[in-house]
N, C-alpha and C. Protein backbone atom coordinates (compact mmCIF):
# COMPACT_ATOMS: atom_id res chain seq x y z
N MET A 1 -4.22 -12.00 11.23
CA MET A 1 -4.96 -11.34 10.17
C MET A 1 -4.06 -10.94 9.01
N GLY A 2 -2.78 -11.25 9.08
CA GLY A 2 -1.94 -11.06 7.91
C GLY A 2 -1.02 -9.87 7.92
N VAL A 3 -1.03 -9.03 8.96
CA VAL A 3 -0.18 -7.85 8.93
C VAL A 3 0.41 -7.62 10.31
N VAL A 4 1.69 -7.32 10.36
CA VAL A 4 2.33 -6.90 11.59
C VAL A 4 2.78 -5.47 11.38
N LEU A 5 2.35 -4.58 12.25
CA LEU A 5 2.72 -3.18 12.12
C LEU A 5 4.06 -2.92 12.77
N LYS A 6 4.90 -2.23 12.08
CA LYS A 6 6.16 -1.77 12.64
C LYS A 6 6.23 -0.28 12.36
N LEU A 7 5.54 0.49 13.19
CA LEU A 7 5.45 1.93 12.98
C LEU A 7 6.56 2.64 13.73
N LYS A 8 7.29 3.44 13.01
CA LYS A 8 8.31 4.29 13.60
C LYS A 8 8.18 5.63 12.93
N PRO A 9 8.25 6.72 13.70
CA PRO A 9 8.19 8.03 13.06
C PRO A 9 9.33 8.15 12.03
N GLN A 10 8.97 8.55 10.85
CA GLN A 10 9.95 8.67 9.77
C GLN A 10 10.07 10.12 9.35
N LYS A 11 11.27 10.61 9.25
CA LYS A 11 11.50 11.95 8.72
C LYS A 11 11.64 11.81 7.21
N LEU A 12 10.85 12.59 6.49
CA LEU A 12 10.92 12.53 5.03
C LEU A 12 12.18 13.24 4.57
N LEU A 13 12.95 12.55 3.78
CA LEU A 13 14.17 13.11 3.24
C LEU A 13 13.93 13.60 1.83
N ASN A 14 14.52 14.69 1.48
CA ASN A 14 14.41 15.21 0.14
C ASN A 14 15.65 14.75 -0.63
N ILE A 15 15.56 13.57 -1.19
CA ILE A 15 16.66 13.00 -1.96
C ILE A 15 16.24 12.95 -3.41
N GLN A 16 16.98 13.61 -4.24
CA GLN A 16 16.65 13.62 -5.66
C GLN A 16 17.61 12.71 -6.40
N LEU A 17 17.05 11.79 -7.18
CA LEU A 17 17.82 10.82 -7.93
C LEU A 17 17.68 11.11 -9.41
N PRO A 18 18.64 10.65 -10.24
CA PRO A 18 18.56 10.92 -11.67
C PRO A 18 17.34 10.27 -12.31
N LEU A 19 16.73 11.00 -13.25
CA LEU A 19 15.60 10.49 -14.02
C LEU A 19 16.00 10.51 -15.49
N PHE A 20 16.06 9.33 -16.09
CA PHE A 20 16.43 9.23 -17.50
C PHE A 20 15.20 9.47 -18.36
N SER A 21 15.37 10.17 -19.47
CA SER A 21 14.24 10.55 -20.30
C SER A 21 13.71 9.41 -21.14
N SER A 22 14.52 8.41 -21.43
CA SER A 22 14.04 7.31 -22.26
C SER A 22 13.38 6.26 -21.37
N SER A 23 12.35 5.63 -21.92
CA SER A 23 11.70 4.56 -21.18
C SER A 23 12.49 3.27 -21.39
N VAL A 24 12.21 2.28 -20.58
CA VAL A 24 12.91 1.01 -20.65
C VAL A 24 11.97 -0.03 -21.23
N ALA A 25 12.42 -0.72 -22.26
CA ALA A 25 11.59 -1.74 -22.90
C ALA A 25 11.54 -2.97 -22.02
N ALA A 26 10.34 -3.52 -21.88
CA ALA A 26 10.19 -4.76 -21.13
C ALA A 26 10.15 -5.95 -22.07
N GLY A 27 10.27 -5.70 -23.36
CA GLY A 27 10.30 -6.76 -24.36
C GLY A 27 11.71 -6.90 -24.88
N PHE A 28 11.90 -6.60 -26.16
CA PHE A 28 13.24 -6.67 -26.75
C PHE A 28 14.06 -5.46 -26.31
N PRO A 29 15.34 -5.66 -26.03
CA PRO A 29 16.16 -4.53 -25.58
C PRO A 29 16.34 -3.50 -26.69
N SER A 30 16.45 -2.24 -26.27
CA SER A 30 16.71 -1.16 -27.21
C SER A 30 18.01 -0.49 -26.81
N PRO A 31 18.66 0.22 -27.73
CA PRO A 31 19.91 0.89 -27.38
C PRO A 31 19.70 1.88 -26.23
N ALA A 32 20.59 1.87 -25.26
CA ALA A 32 20.46 2.75 -24.10
C ALA A 32 20.84 4.16 -24.48
N GLU A 33 20.13 5.11 -23.91
CA GLU A 33 20.46 6.52 -24.08
C GLU A 33 20.99 7.03 -22.76
N ASP A 34 22.13 7.70 -22.81
CA ASP A 34 22.73 8.20 -21.58
C ASP A 34 22.31 9.64 -21.31
N TYR A 35 21.05 9.94 -21.53
CA TYR A 35 20.57 11.29 -21.35
C TYR A 35 19.73 11.37 -20.08
N ILE A 36 20.19 12.19 -19.14
CA ILE A 36 19.44 12.41 -17.91
C ILE A 36 18.54 13.61 -18.10
N GLU A 37 17.24 13.38 -17.90
CA GLU A 37 16.24 14.43 -18.09
C GLU A 37 16.24 15.41 -16.93
N GLY A 38 16.47 14.94 -15.75
CA GLY A 38 16.43 15.78 -14.56
C GLY A 38 16.57 14.91 -13.35
N SER A 39 15.97 15.34 -12.25
CA SER A 39 16.01 14.54 -11.04
C SER A 39 14.60 14.22 -10.58
N LEU A 40 14.50 13.21 -9.77
CA LEU A 40 13.22 12.71 -9.33
C LEU A 40 13.27 12.53 -7.82
N ASP A 41 12.32 13.13 -7.11
CA ASP A 41 12.19 12.94 -5.67
C ASP A 41 10.99 12.03 -5.46
N LEU A 42 11.22 10.82 -4.94
CA LEU A 42 10.13 9.86 -4.76
C LEU A 42 9.05 10.37 -3.82
N ASN A 43 9.40 11.26 -2.91
CA ASN A 43 8.38 11.84 -2.03
C ASN A 43 7.29 12.54 -2.84
N GLU A 44 7.67 13.20 -3.93
CA GLU A 44 6.69 13.89 -4.76
C GLU A 44 5.73 12.93 -5.44
N HIS A 45 6.16 11.72 -5.70
CA HIS A 45 5.33 10.74 -6.40
C HIS A 45 4.60 9.79 -5.46
N LEU A 46 5.15 9.52 -4.31
CA LEU A 46 4.57 8.54 -3.41
C LEU A 46 3.81 9.15 -2.24
N ILE A 47 4.10 10.39 -1.89
CA ILE A 47 3.52 10.98 -0.68
C ILE A 47 2.81 12.28 -1.04
N LYS A 48 1.50 12.21 -1.06
CA LYS A 48 0.69 13.40 -1.39
C LYS A 48 0.32 14.21 -0.16
N HIS A 49 0.20 13.56 0.98
CA HIS A 49 -0.19 14.22 2.23
C HIS A 49 0.82 13.85 3.32
N PRO A 50 1.97 14.53 3.38
CA PRO A 50 3.05 14.13 4.30
C PRO A 50 2.61 14.00 5.76
N ALA A 51 1.77 14.90 6.25
CA ALA A 51 1.36 14.86 7.65
C ALA A 51 0.45 13.67 7.95
N ALA A 52 -0.16 13.08 6.91
CA ALA A 52 -1.12 11.99 7.11
C ALA A 52 -0.61 10.66 6.56
N THR A 53 0.67 10.60 6.19
CA THR A 53 1.20 9.41 5.54
C THR A 53 2.21 8.71 6.44
N PHE A 54 2.16 7.38 6.43
CA PHE A 54 3.13 6.59 7.17
C PHE A 54 3.40 5.31 6.40
N PHE A 55 4.43 4.59 6.84
CA PHE A 55 4.84 3.34 6.22
C PHE A 55 4.54 2.20 7.18
N VAL A 56 4.22 1.04 6.63
CA VAL A 56 4.00 -0.15 7.44
C VAL A 56 4.54 -1.34 6.67
N LYS A 57 5.17 -2.26 7.40
CA LYS A 57 5.74 -3.45 6.78
C LYS A 57 4.74 -4.60 6.88
N VAL A 58 4.58 -5.34 5.80
CA VAL A 58 3.62 -6.43 5.72
C VAL A 58 4.23 -7.73 6.20
N SER A 59 3.44 -8.49 6.92
CA SER A 59 3.80 -9.84 7.31
C SER A 59 2.61 -10.73 6.99
N GLY A 60 2.78 -11.64 6.06
CA GLY A 60 1.68 -12.53 5.69
C GLY A 60 1.42 -12.53 4.20
N ASP A 61 0.50 -13.41 3.79
CA ASP A 61 0.27 -13.61 2.35
C ASP A 61 -1.19 -13.41 1.93
N SER A 62 -1.98 -12.74 2.76
CA SER A 62 -3.41 -12.62 2.45
C SER A 62 -3.71 -11.69 1.28
N MET A 63 -2.73 -10.90 0.82
CA MET A 63 -3.00 -9.92 -0.25
C MET A 63 -2.12 -10.13 -1.48
N VAL A 64 -1.60 -11.34 -1.67
CA VAL A 64 -0.70 -11.59 -2.80
C VAL A 64 -1.37 -11.35 -4.15
N GLY A 65 -2.67 -11.58 -4.25
CA GLY A 65 -3.39 -11.35 -5.50
C GLY A 65 -3.45 -9.89 -5.89
N ALA A 66 -3.22 -9.00 -4.93
CA ALA A 66 -3.20 -7.56 -5.20
C ALA A 66 -1.77 -7.05 -5.36
N GLY A 67 -0.79 -7.98 -5.37
CA GLY A 67 0.60 -7.57 -5.53
C GLY A 67 1.25 -7.12 -4.24
N ILE A 68 0.68 -7.50 -3.10
CA ILE A 68 1.24 -7.16 -1.79
C ILE A 68 1.76 -8.45 -1.17
N PHE A 69 3.07 -8.50 -0.95
CA PHE A 69 3.73 -9.72 -0.50
C PHE A 69 4.35 -9.55 0.89
N ASP A 70 4.64 -10.66 1.54
CA ASP A 70 5.29 -10.67 2.83
C ASP A 70 6.59 -9.87 2.75
N GLY A 71 6.78 -8.93 3.64
CA GLY A 71 7.99 -8.12 3.66
C GLY A 71 7.87 -6.81 2.90
N ASP A 72 6.79 -6.62 2.15
CA ASP A 72 6.61 -5.37 1.41
C ASP A 72 6.41 -4.20 2.36
N LEU A 73 6.70 -3.02 1.85
CA LEU A 73 6.49 -1.78 2.59
C LEU A 73 5.30 -1.08 1.96
N LEU A 74 4.30 -0.76 2.77
CA LEU A 74 3.12 -0.06 2.27
C LEU A 74 3.21 1.42 2.61
N VAL A 75 2.80 2.26 1.67
CA VAL A 75 2.67 3.69 1.92
C VAL A 75 1.18 3.91 2.17
N VAL A 76 0.84 4.25 3.40
CA VAL A 76 -0.56 4.39 3.82
C VAL A 76 -0.86 5.87 4.04
N ASP A 77 -1.94 6.33 3.41
CA ASP A 77 -2.34 7.73 3.48
C ASP A 77 -3.66 7.84 4.23
N ARG A 78 -3.65 8.49 5.38
CA ARG A 78 -4.86 8.64 6.19
C ARG A 78 -5.76 9.75 5.65
N ALA A 79 -5.26 10.58 4.75
CA ALA A 79 -6.07 11.67 4.20
C ALA A 79 -6.94 11.21 3.03
N LEU A 80 -6.66 10.04 2.48
CA LEU A 80 -7.46 9.54 1.36
C LEU A 80 -8.75 8.93 1.88
N GLU A 81 -9.82 9.09 1.13
CA GLU A 81 -11.10 8.51 1.49
C GLU A 81 -11.12 7.03 1.14
N ALA A 82 -11.52 6.21 2.10
CA ALA A 82 -11.64 4.77 1.86
C ALA A 82 -12.94 4.53 1.10
N LYS A 83 -12.81 4.15 -0.15
CA LYS A 83 -13.97 3.90 -1.00
C LYS A 83 -14.15 2.41 -1.20
N ASN A 84 -15.26 2.04 -1.81
CA ASN A 84 -15.49 0.65 -2.15
C ASN A 84 -14.35 0.15 -3.02
N ASP A 85 -13.78 -0.98 -2.68
CA ASP A 85 -12.67 -1.64 -3.38
C ASP A 85 -11.29 -1.03 -3.09
N SER A 86 -11.21 -0.03 -2.21
CA SER A 86 -9.90 0.47 -1.78
C SER A 86 -9.20 -0.62 -0.97
N ILE A 87 -7.89 -0.64 -1.05
CA ILE A 87 -7.12 -1.49 -0.14
C ILE A 87 -6.79 -0.63 1.06
N VAL A 88 -7.18 -1.12 2.24
CA VAL A 88 -7.08 -0.31 3.45
C VAL A 88 -6.28 -1.01 4.53
N LEU A 89 -5.72 -0.21 5.42
CA LEU A 89 -5.17 -0.70 6.67
C LEU A 89 -6.26 -0.45 7.69
N ALA A 90 -6.75 -1.53 8.30
CA ALA A 90 -7.87 -1.43 9.24
C ALA A 90 -7.50 -2.06 10.57
N VAL A 91 -8.24 -1.66 11.58
CA VAL A 91 -8.13 -2.28 12.89
C VAL A 91 -9.47 -2.97 13.14
N VAL A 92 -9.41 -4.28 13.37
CA VAL A 92 -10.60 -5.08 13.66
C VAL A 92 -10.39 -5.75 15.02
N ASN A 93 -11.21 -5.35 15.96
CA ASN A 93 -11.12 -5.89 17.33
C ASN A 93 -9.69 -5.84 17.87
N GLY A 94 -9.04 -4.71 17.65
CA GLY A 94 -7.70 -4.48 18.20
C GLY A 94 -6.55 -5.02 17.39
N GLU A 95 -6.83 -5.66 16.25
CA GLU A 95 -5.75 -6.21 15.41
C GLU A 95 -5.72 -5.50 14.06
N PHE A 96 -4.51 -5.19 13.61
CA PHE A 96 -4.34 -4.56 12.31
C PHE A 96 -4.42 -5.59 11.19
N THR A 97 -4.97 -5.18 10.07
CA THR A 97 -5.02 -6.03 8.89
C THR A 97 -5.06 -5.15 7.64
N VAL A 98 -4.55 -5.69 6.55
CA VAL A 98 -4.64 -5.03 5.24
C VAL A 98 -5.56 -5.89 4.39
N LYS A 99 -6.62 -5.28 3.88
CA LYS A 99 -7.59 -6.00 3.05
C LYS A 99 -8.25 -5.03 2.09
N ARG A 100 -8.99 -5.60 1.13
CA ARG A 100 -9.79 -4.79 0.21
C ARG A 100 -11.14 -4.51 0.86
N LEU A 101 -11.51 -3.25 0.91
CA LEU A 101 -12.76 -2.82 1.54
C LEU A 101 -13.91 -2.99 0.55
N ARG A 102 -14.94 -3.70 0.98
CA ARG A 102 -16.13 -3.88 0.14
C ARG A 102 -17.32 -3.35 0.91
N LYS A 103 -17.96 -2.32 0.37
CA LYS A 103 -19.15 -1.74 0.97
C LYS A 103 -20.32 -1.98 0.03
N ILE A 104 -21.30 -2.74 0.48
CA ILE A 104 -22.52 -2.95 -0.28
C ILE A 104 -23.67 -2.63 0.64
N LYS A 105 -24.39 -1.56 0.29
CA LYS A 105 -25.46 -1.03 1.14
C LYS A 105 -24.89 -0.74 2.51
N ASN A 106 -25.41 -1.35 3.56
CA ASN A 106 -24.90 -1.11 4.91
C ASN A 106 -23.96 -2.20 5.39
N LYS A 107 -23.54 -3.08 4.50
CA LYS A 107 -22.69 -4.20 4.87
C LYS A 107 -21.23 -3.90 4.48
N ILE A 108 -20.32 -4.10 5.42
CA ILE A 108 -18.89 -3.89 5.17
C ILE A 108 -18.18 -5.23 5.32
N THR A 109 -17.37 -5.57 4.31
CA THR A 109 -16.58 -6.79 4.33
C THR A 109 -15.15 -6.43 3.96
N LEU A 110 -14.19 -7.04 4.64
CA LEU A 110 -12.78 -6.90 4.30
C LEU A 110 -12.37 -8.17 3.57
N LEU A 111 -11.96 -8.01 2.32
CA LEU A 111 -11.66 -9.15 1.47
C LEU A 111 -10.17 -9.38 1.31
N PRO A 112 -9.72 -10.62 1.53
CA PRO A 112 -8.33 -10.96 1.23
C PRO A 112 -8.18 -11.13 -0.28
N GLU A 113 -6.96 -11.13 -0.74
CA GLU A 113 -6.66 -11.38 -2.16
C GLU A 113 -5.86 -12.67 -2.28
N ASN A 114 -6.30 -13.67 -1.51
CA ASN A 114 -5.69 -14.98 -1.52
C ASN A 114 -6.77 -15.96 -1.09
N PRO A 115 -7.09 -16.96 -1.91
CA PRO A 115 -8.18 -17.87 -1.58
C PRO A 115 -7.94 -18.70 -0.31
N LYS A 116 -6.71 -18.72 0.20
CA LYS A 116 -6.43 -19.45 1.44
C LYS A 116 -6.97 -18.72 2.67
N HIS A 117 -7.37 -17.46 2.51
CA HIS A 117 -7.84 -16.66 3.63
C HIS A 117 -9.32 -16.33 3.46
N ARG A 118 -10.00 -16.15 4.59
CA ARG A 118 -11.43 -15.89 4.58
C ARG A 118 -11.71 -14.39 4.69
N PRO A 119 -12.80 -13.94 4.07
CA PRO A 119 -13.22 -12.55 4.25
C PRO A 119 -13.59 -12.29 5.71
N ILE A 120 -13.51 -11.02 6.10
CA ILE A 120 -13.91 -10.61 7.43
C ILE A 120 -15.15 -9.74 7.28
N GLU A 121 -16.28 -10.23 7.74
CA GLU A 121 -17.52 -9.46 7.68
C GLU A 121 -17.62 -8.63 8.95
N ILE A 122 -17.77 -7.32 8.80
CA ILE A 122 -17.87 -6.42 9.94
C ILE A 122 -19.32 -6.43 10.41
N THR A 123 -19.52 -6.83 11.66
CA THR A 123 -20.86 -6.92 12.22
C THR A 123 -21.00 -5.97 13.40
N ASP A 124 -22.25 -5.75 13.81
CA ASP A 124 -22.51 -4.91 14.99
C ASP A 124 -21.75 -5.47 16.18
N GLY A 125 -21.20 -4.58 16.96
CA GLY A 125 -20.46 -5.00 18.14
C GLY A 125 -18.97 -5.19 17.91
N MET A 126 -18.56 -5.24 16.65
CA MET A 126 -17.12 -5.36 16.37
C MET A 126 -16.48 -3.98 16.44
N ASP A 127 -15.26 -3.93 16.96
CA ASP A 127 -14.48 -2.70 16.96
C ASP A 127 -13.79 -2.61 15.60
N PHE A 128 -14.16 -1.63 14.78
CA PHE A 128 -13.64 -1.53 13.42
C PHE A 128 -13.32 -0.08 13.09
N THR A 129 -12.10 0.13 12.59
CA THR A 129 -11.66 1.46 12.16
C THR A 129 -10.76 1.31 10.94
N VAL A 130 -10.98 2.16 9.95
CA VAL A 130 -10.04 2.23 8.83
C VAL A 130 -8.98 3.25 9.22
N TRP A 131 -7.73 2.79 9.28
CA TRP A 131 -6.62 3.67 9.64
C TRP A 131 -6.10 4.47 8.46
N GLY A 132 -6.27 3.94 7.27
CA GLY A 132 -5.80 4.66 6.09
C GLY A 132 -5.94 3.81 4.85
N VAL A 133 -5.71 4.44 3.72
CA VAL A 133 -5.79 3.78 2.42
C VAL A 133 -4.36 3.49 1.95
N VAL A 134 -4.15 2.29 1.46
CA VAL A 134 -2.85 1.95 0.91
C VAL A 134 -2.72 2.65 -0.44
N ALA A 135 -1.75 3.55 -0.51
CA ALA A 135 -1.56 4.33 -1.73
C ALA A 135 -0.53 3.70 -2.65
N HIS A 136 0.48 3.06 -2.07
CA HIS A 136 1.55 2.44 -2.86
C HIS A 136 2.12 1.23 -2.13
N VAL A 137 2.71 0.35 -2.90
CA VAL A 137 3.38 -0.82 -2.37
C VAL A 137 4.82 -0.79 -2.87
N ILE A 138 5.77 -0.98 -1.97
CA ILE A 138 7.18 -1.02 -2.34
C ILE A 138 7.68 -2.42 -1.99
N HIS A 139 8.16 -3.12 -3.00
CA HIS A 139 8.74 -4.45 -2.70
C HIS A 139 10.00 -4.68 -3.50
N THR A 140 10.82 -5.54 -2.92
CA THR A 140 12.10 -5.87 -3.54
C THR A 140 11.93 -7.09 -4.41
N LEU A 141 12.46 -7.05 -5.60
CA LEU A 141 12.44 -8.21 -6.48
C LEU A 141 13.57 -9.14 -6.08
N LYS A 142 13.26 -10.41 -5.99
CA LYS A 142 14.29 -11.36 -5.52
C LYS A 142 14.74 -12.26 -6.64
């Protein structure tokens, strides 16, 4: 189904890194400013509910259209409400998967973001649970 879970209890570290006050141009380069505005703790920006948040590593390509690639690290928040079009970590018949949640009336479908993969329609009798909402994606540029 496109995802392999590698869950390990993680202790959140309070590491503050320098935050530069000037933005970085993605077009033509601008002169660099060596002015540090303060420090930035990524936990403050990525983790809103520490007791309900965990990380999971992605294996597969079913969500590349949403910017989620093989090897990416997902920040999953169980305290967030799974709404229509949320990207969720779900369990379907005992297997974990990451997909876009589509709720139309009483019908639930898990949609991939890659045309090579098929949607998963949740039907009566299927074991289905949303484990959490994907809040952020962390990936390395190669």
